[in-house]
N, C-alpha and C. Protein backbone atom coordinates (compact mmCIF):
# COMPACT_ATOMS: atom_id res chain seq x y z
N MET A 1 -5.41 -16.11 -84.86
CA MET A 1 -5.92 -15.45 -83.73
C MET A 1 -5.82 -16.30 -82.48
N ASP A 2 -5.73 -17.54 -82.66
CA ASP A 2 -5.61 -18.43 -81.53
C ASP A 2 -4.32 -18.19 -80.77
N ASP A 3 -3.25 -17.99 -81.52
CA ASP A 3 -1.95 -17.76 -80.85
C ASP A 3 -1.98 -16.44 -80.09
N THR A 4 -2.57 -15.44 -80.68
CA THR A 4 -2.63 -14.14 -80.02
C THR A 4 -3.50 -14.23 -78.76
N SER A 5 -4.61 -14.92 -78.85
CA SER A 5 -5.49 -15.08 -77.69
C SER A 5 -4.79 -15.86 -76.58
N LEU A 6 -4.05 -16.87 -76.98
CA LEU A 6 -3.31 -17.68 -76.01
C LEU A 6 -2.23 -16.84 -75.33
N ILE A 7 -1.52 -16.04 -76.12
CA ILE A 7 -0.46 -15.19 -75.56
C ILE A 7 -1.08 -14.14 -74.65
N LEU A 8 -2.19 -13.53 -75.09
CA LEU A 8 -2.85 -12.52 -74.26
C LEU A 8 -3.39 -13.14 -72.97
N GLY A 9 -3.89 -14.35 -73.04
CA GLY A 9 -4.38 -15.04 -71.85
C GLY A 9 -3.26 -15.32 -70.86
N ARG A 10 -2.10 -15.74 -71.39
CA ARG A 10 -0.95 -15.99 -70.51
C ARG A 10 -0.47 -14.68 -69.88
N LEU A 11 -0.42 -13.62 -70.69
CA LEU A 11 0.03 -12.32 -70.17
C LEU A 11 -0.95 -11.83 -69.10
N GLU A 12 -2.22 -12.01 -69.35
CA GLU A 12 -3.23 -11.58 -68.38
C GLU A 12 -3.08 -12.36 -67.07
N GLY A 13 -2.80 -13.64 -67.17
CA GLY A 13 -2.58 -14.46 -65.97
C GLY A 13 -1.35 -14.00 -65.21
N LYS A 14 -0.28 -13.69 -65.94
CA LYS A 14 0.94 -13.21 -65.28
C LYS A 14 0.72 -11.85 -64.66
N VAL A 15 -0.03 -10.98 -65.36
CA VAL A 15 -0.32 -9.65 -64.81
C VAL A 15 -1.16 -9.80 -63.54
N ASP A 16 -2.14 -10.68 -63.56
CA ASP A 16 -2.97 -10.92 -62.37
C ASP A 16 -2.11 -11.44 -61.21
N SER A 17 -1.18 -12.33 -61.52
CA SER A 17 -0.28 -12.87 -60.50
C SER A 17 0.60 -11.78 -59.92
N ILE A 18 1.13 -10.94 -60.81
CA ILE A 18 1.99 -9.82 -60.34
C ILE A 18 1.16 -8.86 -59.50
N GLN A 19 -0.07 -8.59 -59.93
CA GLN A 19 -0.94 -7.68 -59.20
C GLN A 19 -1.26 -8.25 -57.81
N ALA A 20 -1.51 -9.52 -57.71
CA ALA A 20 -1.79 -10.16 -56.42
C ALA A 20 -0.56 -10.09 -55.52
N THR A 21 0.62 -10.34 -56.11
CA THR A 21 1.86 -10.26 -55.34
C THR A 21 2.08 -8.84 -54.83
N LEU A 22 1.86 -7.84 -55.72
CA LEU A 22 2.02 -6.44 -55.31
C LEU A 22 1.01 -6.06 -54.23
N SER A 23 -0.20 -6.55 -54.32
CA SER A 23 -1.21 -6.27 -53.30
C SER A 23 -0.78 -6.84 -51.95
N ALA A 24 -0.24 -8.06 -51.97
CA ALA A 24 0.24 -8.68 -50.73
C ALA A 24 1.40 -7.88 -50.15
N ILE A 25 2.29 -7.41 -51.02
CA ILE A 25 3.44 -6.61 -50.55
C ILE A 25 2.94 -5.31 -49.93
N VAL A 26 1.96 -4.67 -50.58
CA VAL A 26 1.42 -3.41 -50.06
C VAL A 26 0.76 -3.65 -48.70
N GLN A 27 0.02 -4.74 -48.56
CA GLN A 27 -0.63 -5.05 -47.27
C GLN A 27 0.41 -5.28 -46.17
N ARG A 28 1.48 -6.00 -46.50
CA ARG A 28 2.54 -6.22 -45.50
C ARG A 28 3.22 -4.90 -45.14
N GLN A 29 3.44 -4.05 -46.15
CA GLN A 29 4.06 -2.75 -45.89
C GLN A 29 3.16 -1.91 -44.99
N ASP A 30 1.86 -1.93 -45.25
CA ASP A 30 0.93 -1.19 -44.40
C ASP A 30 0.94 -1.72 -42.96
N ALA A 31 1.00 -3.04 -42.83
CA ALA A 31 1.06 -3.64 -41.49
C ALA A 31 2.34 -3.25 -40.78
N HIS A 32 3.47 -3.26 -41.51
CA HIS A 32 4.75 -2.84 -40.92
C HIS A 32 4.72 -1.38 -40.51
N GLU A 33 4.14 -0.54 -41.36
CA GLU A 33 4.05 0.88 -41.02
C GLU A 33 3.16 1.09 -39.80
N SER A 34 2.09 0.32 -39.71
CA SER A 34 1.21 0.41 -38.55
C SER A 34 1.95 0.01 -37.27
N ARG A 35 2.67 -1.10 -37.34
CA ARG A 35 3.46 -1.54 -36.18
C ARG A 35 4.53 -0.52 -35.82
N LEU A 36 5.19 0.01 -36.84
CA LEU A 36 6.23 1.01 -36.61
C LEU A 36 5.65 2.25 -35.95
N SER A 37 4.48 2.67 -36.39
CA SER A 37 3.82 3.83 -35.78
C SER A 37 3.49 3.57 -34.32
N SER A 38 2.98 2.37 -34.04
CA SER A 38 2.64 2.06 -32.64
C SER A 38 3.90 1.99 -31.77
N VAL A 39 4.98 1.44 -32.32
CA VAL A 39 6.24 1.38 -31.56
C VAL A 39 6.79 2.78 -31.33
N GLU A 40 6.74 3.63 -32.36
CA GLU A 40 7.21 5.01 -32.19
C GLU A 40 6.37 5.74 -31.15
N GLY A 41 5.06 5.50 -31.16
CA GLY A 41 4.19 6.11 -30.15
C GLY A 41 4.54 5.63 -28.75
N ALA A 42 4.81 4.34 -28.63
CA ALA A 42 5.19 3.79 -27.32
C ALA A 42 6.52 4.37 -26.86
N VAL A 43 7.46 4.53 -27.80
CA VAL A 43 8.76 5.10 -27.44
C VAL A 43 8.59 6.54 -26.98
N ARG A 44 7.74 7.30 -27.68
CA ARG A 44 7.49 8.68 -27.27
C ARG A 44 6.87 8.73 -25.88
N THR A 45 5.94 7.81 -25.62
CA THR A 45 5.30 7.76 -24.31
C THR A 45 6.31 7.40 -23.23
N ILE A 46 7.17 6.43 -23.52
CA ILE A 46 8.20 6.03 -22.55
C ILE A 46 9.16 7.18 -22.29
N GLU A 47 9.56 7.88 -23.36
CA GLU A 47 10.48 9.00 -23.18
C GLU A 47 9.83 10.11 -22.36
N ALA A 48 8.54 10.36 -22.62
CA ALA A 48 7.83 11.38 -21.84
C ALA A 48 7.72 10.96 -20.38
N ASP A 49 7.38 9.69 -20.15
CA ASP A 49 7.29 9.19 -18.77
C ASP A 49 8.65 9.25 -18.09
N ARG A 50 9.68 8.91 -18.83
CA ARG A 50 11.04 8.93 -18.28
C ARG A 50 11.42 10.35 -17.90
N ALA A 51 11.11 11.29 -18.80
CA ALA A 51 11.42 12.69 -18.51
C ALA A 51 10.68 13.17 -17.27
N ALA A 52 9.47 12.67 -17.07
CA ALA A 52 8.70 13.06 -15.88
C ALA A 52 9.21 12.35 -14.63
N MET A 53 9.76 11.15 -14.78
CA MET A 53 10.20 10.37 -13.62
C MET A 53 11.59 10.75 -13.13
N ILE A 54 12.43 11.29 -13.99
CA ILE A 54 13.81 11.61 -13.59
C ILE A 54 13.84 12.61 -12.43
N PRO A 55 13.08 13.72 -12.47
CA PRO A 55 13.12 14.62 -11.30
C PRO A 55 12.65 13.93 -10.02
N GLY A 56 11.63 13.08 -10.12
CA GLY A 56 11.18 12.35 -8.94
C GLY A 56 12.26 11.42 -8.41
N TYR A 57 12.98 10.79 -9.32
CA TYR A 57 14.08 9.90 -8.93
C TYR A 57 15.17 10.70 -8.22
N ARG A 58 15.46 11.88 -8.72
CA ARG A 58 16.48 12.72 -8.09
C ARG A 58 16.05 13.14 -6.69
N ILE A 59 14.76 13.41 -6.52
CA ILE A 59 14.24 13.77 -5.20
C ILE A 59 14.39 12.59 -4.24
N VAL A 60 14.06 11.40 -4.72
CA VAL A 60 14.20 10.20 -3.89
C VAL A 60 15.66 9.96 -3.52
N GLU A 61 16.56 10.18 -4.49
CA GLU A 61 18.00 10.04 -4.19
C GLU A 61 18.43 11.01 -3.11
N ALA A 62 17.97 12.27 -3.21
CA ALA A 62 18.34 13.27 -2.21
C ALA A 62 17.77 12.89 -0.84
N ASP A 63 16.52 12.44 -0.81
CA ASP A 63 15.92 12.01 0.46
C ASP A 63 16.68 10.84 1.06
N LEU A 64 17.10 9.91 0.23
CA LEU A 64 17.86 8.76 0.70
C LEU A 64 19.20 9.20 1.28
N ALA A 65 19.85 10.15 0.62
CA ALA A 65 21.12 10.66 1.14
C ALA A 65 20.90 11.34 2.49
N ASP A 66 19.80 12.11 2.61
CA ASP A 66 19.48 12.75 3.90
C ASP A 66 19.24 11.71 4.98
N LEU A 67 18.52 10.64 4.64
CA LEU A 67 18.27 9.58 5.62
C LEU A 67 19.55 8.89 6.05
N LYS A 68 20.46 8.66 5.10
CA LYS A 68 21.74 8.04 5.46
C LYS A 68 22.54 8.95 6.39
N THR A 69 22.55 10.25 6.09
CA THR A 69 23.25 11.21 6.94
C THR A 69 22.62 11.23 8.33
N TRP A 70 21.29 11.26 8.38
CA TRP A 70 20.58 11.28 9.65
C TRP A 70 20.88 10.01 10.45
N ARG A 71 20.87 8.86 9.78
CA ARG A 71 21.15 7.59 10.47
C ARG A 71 22.56 7.60 11.05
N THR A 72 23.53 8.09 10.28
CA THR A 72 24.91 8.14 10.76
C THR A 72 25.01 9.05 11.97
N ALA A 73 24.34 10.21 11.92
CA ALA A 73 24.38 11.14 13.05
C ALA A 73 23.74 10.52 14.29
N ILE A 74 22.61 9.87 14.11
CA ILE A 74 21.91 9.24 15.24
C ILE A 74 22.76 8.11 15.83
N GLU A 75 23.37 7.31 14.95
CA GLU A 75 24.21 6.22 15.45
C GLU A 75 25.38 6.78 16.24
N GLY A 76 25.95 7.90 15.77
CA GLY A 76 27.07 8.50 16.49
C GLY A 76 26.64 9.01 17.86
N LYS A 77 25.45 9.64 17.93
CA LYS A 77 24.97 10.16 19.20
C LYS A 77 24.53 9.04 20.14
N ALA A 78 23.97 8.00 19.59
CA ALA A 78 23.45 6.91 20.42
C ALA A 78 24.54 5.96 20.88
N ARG A 79 25.69 6.03 20.26
CA ARG A 79 26.77 5.10 20.63
C ARG A 79 27.14 5.23 22.10
N GLY A 80 27.22 6.45 22.62
CA GLY A 80 27.54 6.65 24.04
C GLY A 80 26.48 6.05 24.95
N TRP A 81 25.21 6.24 24.59
CA TRP A 81 24.12 5.67 25.39
C TRP A 81 24.14 4.15 25.32
N ILE A 82 24.45 3.63 24.16
CA ILE A 82 24.51 2.17 24.02
C ILE A 82 25.64 1.60 24.88
N GLU A 83 26.79 2.28 24.86
CA GLU A 83 27.91 1.81 25.67
C GLU A 83 27.59 1.95 27.16
N ALA A 84 26.92 3.06 27.53
CA ALA A 84 26.55 3.24 28.94
C ALA A 84 25.55 2.17 29.37
N GLY A 85 24.60 1.87 28.50
CA GLY A 85 23.63 0.82 28.80
C GLY A 85 24.29 -0.53 28.95
N SER A 86 25.27 -0.78 28.12
CA SER A 86 26.00 -2.04 28.20
C SER A 86 26.77 -2.11 29.52
N PHE A 87 27.40 -1.00 29.91
CA PHE A 87 28.12 -0.96 31.18
C PHE A 87 27.16 -1.17 32.35
N MET A 88 25.99 -0.51 32.29
CA MET A 88 25.01 -0.66 33.37
C MET A 88 24.51 -2.10 33.47
N LYS A 89 24.34 -2.74 32.34
CA LYS A 89 23.89 -4.13 32.36
C LYS A 89 24.94 -5.00 33.06
N ILE A 90 26.20 -4.75 32.76
CA ILE A 90 27.28 -5.51 33.40
C ILE A 90 27.32 -5.21 34.90
N ALA A 91 27.17 -3.91 35.25
CA ALA A 91 27.22 -3.52 36.66
C ALA A 91 26.06 -4.14 37.45
N VAL A 92 24.87 -4.14 36.87
CA VAL A 92 23.72 -4.75 37.54
C VAL A 92 23.94 -6.25 37.70
N GLY A 93 24.51 -6.88 36.69
CA GLY A 93 24.82 -8.31 36.78
C GLY A 93 25.80 -8.60 37.90
N ILE A 94 26.83 -7.76 38.01
CA ILE A 94 27.82 -7.95 39.08
C ILE A 94 27.17 -7.74 40.44
N ALA A 95 26.32 -6.69 40.55
CA ALA A 95 25.64 -6.42 41.83
C ALA A 95 24.73 -7.58 42.22
N ILE A 96 24.01 -8.13 41.25
CA ILE A 96 23.16 -9.28 41.55
C ILE A 96 24.01 -10.47 41.98
N GLY A 97 25.14 -10.65 41.34
CA GLY A 97 26.05 -11.74 41.72
C GLY A 97 26.57 -11.57 43.13
N ILE A 98 26.96 -10.35 43.49
CA ILE A 98 27.47 -10.10 44.85
C ILE A 98 26.37 -10.31 45.87
N ALA A 99 25.18 -9.76 45.59
CA ALA A 99 24.06 -9.95 46.53
C ALA A 99 23.72 -11.42 46.66
N GLY A 100 23.75 -12.14 45.58
CA GLY A 100 23.48 -13.58 45.64
C GLY A 100 24.53 -14.31 46.45
N TYR A 101 25.79 -13.90 46.29
CA TYR A 101 26.87 -14.54 47.05
C TYR A 101 26.68 -14.33 48.54
N PHE A 102 26.42 -13.06 48.93
CA PHE A 102 26.24 -12.79 50.36
C PHE A 102 24.97 -13.45 50.88
N GLY A 103 23.94 -13.49 50.08
CA GLY A 103 22.72 -14.18 50.50
C GLY A 103 22.98 -15.66 50.71
N PHE A 104 23.76 -16.26 49.85
CA PHE A 104 24.10 -17.67 49.99
C PHE A 104 24.94 -17.88 51.25
N GLN A 105 25.89 -16.98 51.49
CA GLN A 105 26.74 -17.10 52.69
C GLN A 105 25.91 -17.00 53.96
N ILE A 106 24.95 -16.07 53.95
CA ILE A 106 24.10 -15.92 55.14
C ILE A 106 23.23 -17.15 55.31
N ALA A 107 22.71 -17.66 54.21
CA ALA A 107 21.83 -18.83 54.29
C ALA A 107 22.59 -20.06 54.76
N MET A 108 23.85 -20.18 54.45
CA MET A 108 24.61 -21.37 54.81
C MET A 108 25.30 -21.26 56.17
N THR A 109 25.29 -20.11 56.76
CA THR A 109 25.92 -19.95 58.07
C THR A 109 25.02 -20.60 59.12
N PRO A 110 25.61 -21.38 60.03
CA PRO A 110 24.78 -22.01 61.06
C PRO A 110 24.10 -20.97 61.93
N VAL A 111 22.94 -21.32 62.42
CA VAL A 111 22.15 -20.39 63.23
C VAL A 111 22.89 -20.02 64.51
N SER A 112 23.61 -20.94 65.07
CA SER A 112 24.29 -20.66 66.34
C SER A 112 25.34 -19.57 66.17
N SER A 113 25.95 -19.46 65.01
CA SER A 113 26.97 -18.42 64.86
C SER A 113 26.34 -17.09 64.53
N GLN A 114 25.06 -17.08 64.14
CA GLN A 114 24.41 -15.82 63.82
C GLN A 114 23.89 -15.13 65.08
N LEU A 115 23.64 -15.92 66.13
CA LEU A 115 23.12 -15.34 67.36
C LEU A 115 24.28 -14.83 68.20
N SER A 116 24.05 -13.74 68.85
CA SER A 116 25.11 -13.23 69.71
C SER A 116 25.11 -14.04 71.00
N PRO A 117 26.28 -14.31 71.47
CA PRO A 117 26.32 -15.12 72.70
C PRO A 117 25.65 -14.38 73.86
N MET A 118 24.90 -15.10 74.61
CA MET A 118 24.21 -14.50 75.75
C MET A 118 25.13 -14.60 76.97
N ARG A 119 25.18 -13.55 77.66
CA ARG A 119 25.98 -13.57 78.87
C ARG A 119 25.13 -14.12 80.01
N VAL A 120 25.70 -15.03 80.58
CA VAL A 120 24.99 -15.63 81.71
C VAL A 120 25.61 -15.04 82.99
N THR A 121 24.80 -14.49 83.75
CA THR A 121 25.29 -13.94 85.02
C THR A 121 24.77 -14.82 86.16
N ALA A 122 25.60 -15.07 87.02
CA ALA A 122 25.20 -15.92 88.14
C ALA A 122 24.46 -15.08 89.17
N SER A 123 23.40 -15.62 89.58
CA SER A 123 22.64 -14.88 90.59
C SER A 123 22.99 -15.45 91.97
N ARG A 124 23.17 -14.63 92.91
CA ARG A 124 23.54 -15.09 94.24
C ARG A 124 22.54 -14.81 95.20
């Protein structure tokens, strides 16, 4: 009976070891399934959010295209005014230069040449 008890004891130990290993495997599988479920839930949430965001993105794209068109139209219309303003700036600069030149000429002319000669008439 000793041999049988010894064999049964060894078998019981191996069965306990296998049972512990299987329990650990089941726990890991449950943890993996839990993680997989949370990832699938996150993916579903992301897909739902994405589906909701796509129309908004399309609206933003359309608005951006409208703004680009508007900017191009405004730049085309404003180009003439910008060129006219540039021309006026140059013209005002030239006018200031001419006025400055004549002002300098007047300032540098001797006083005697600016006065009209007086006619002296002899009195008898």
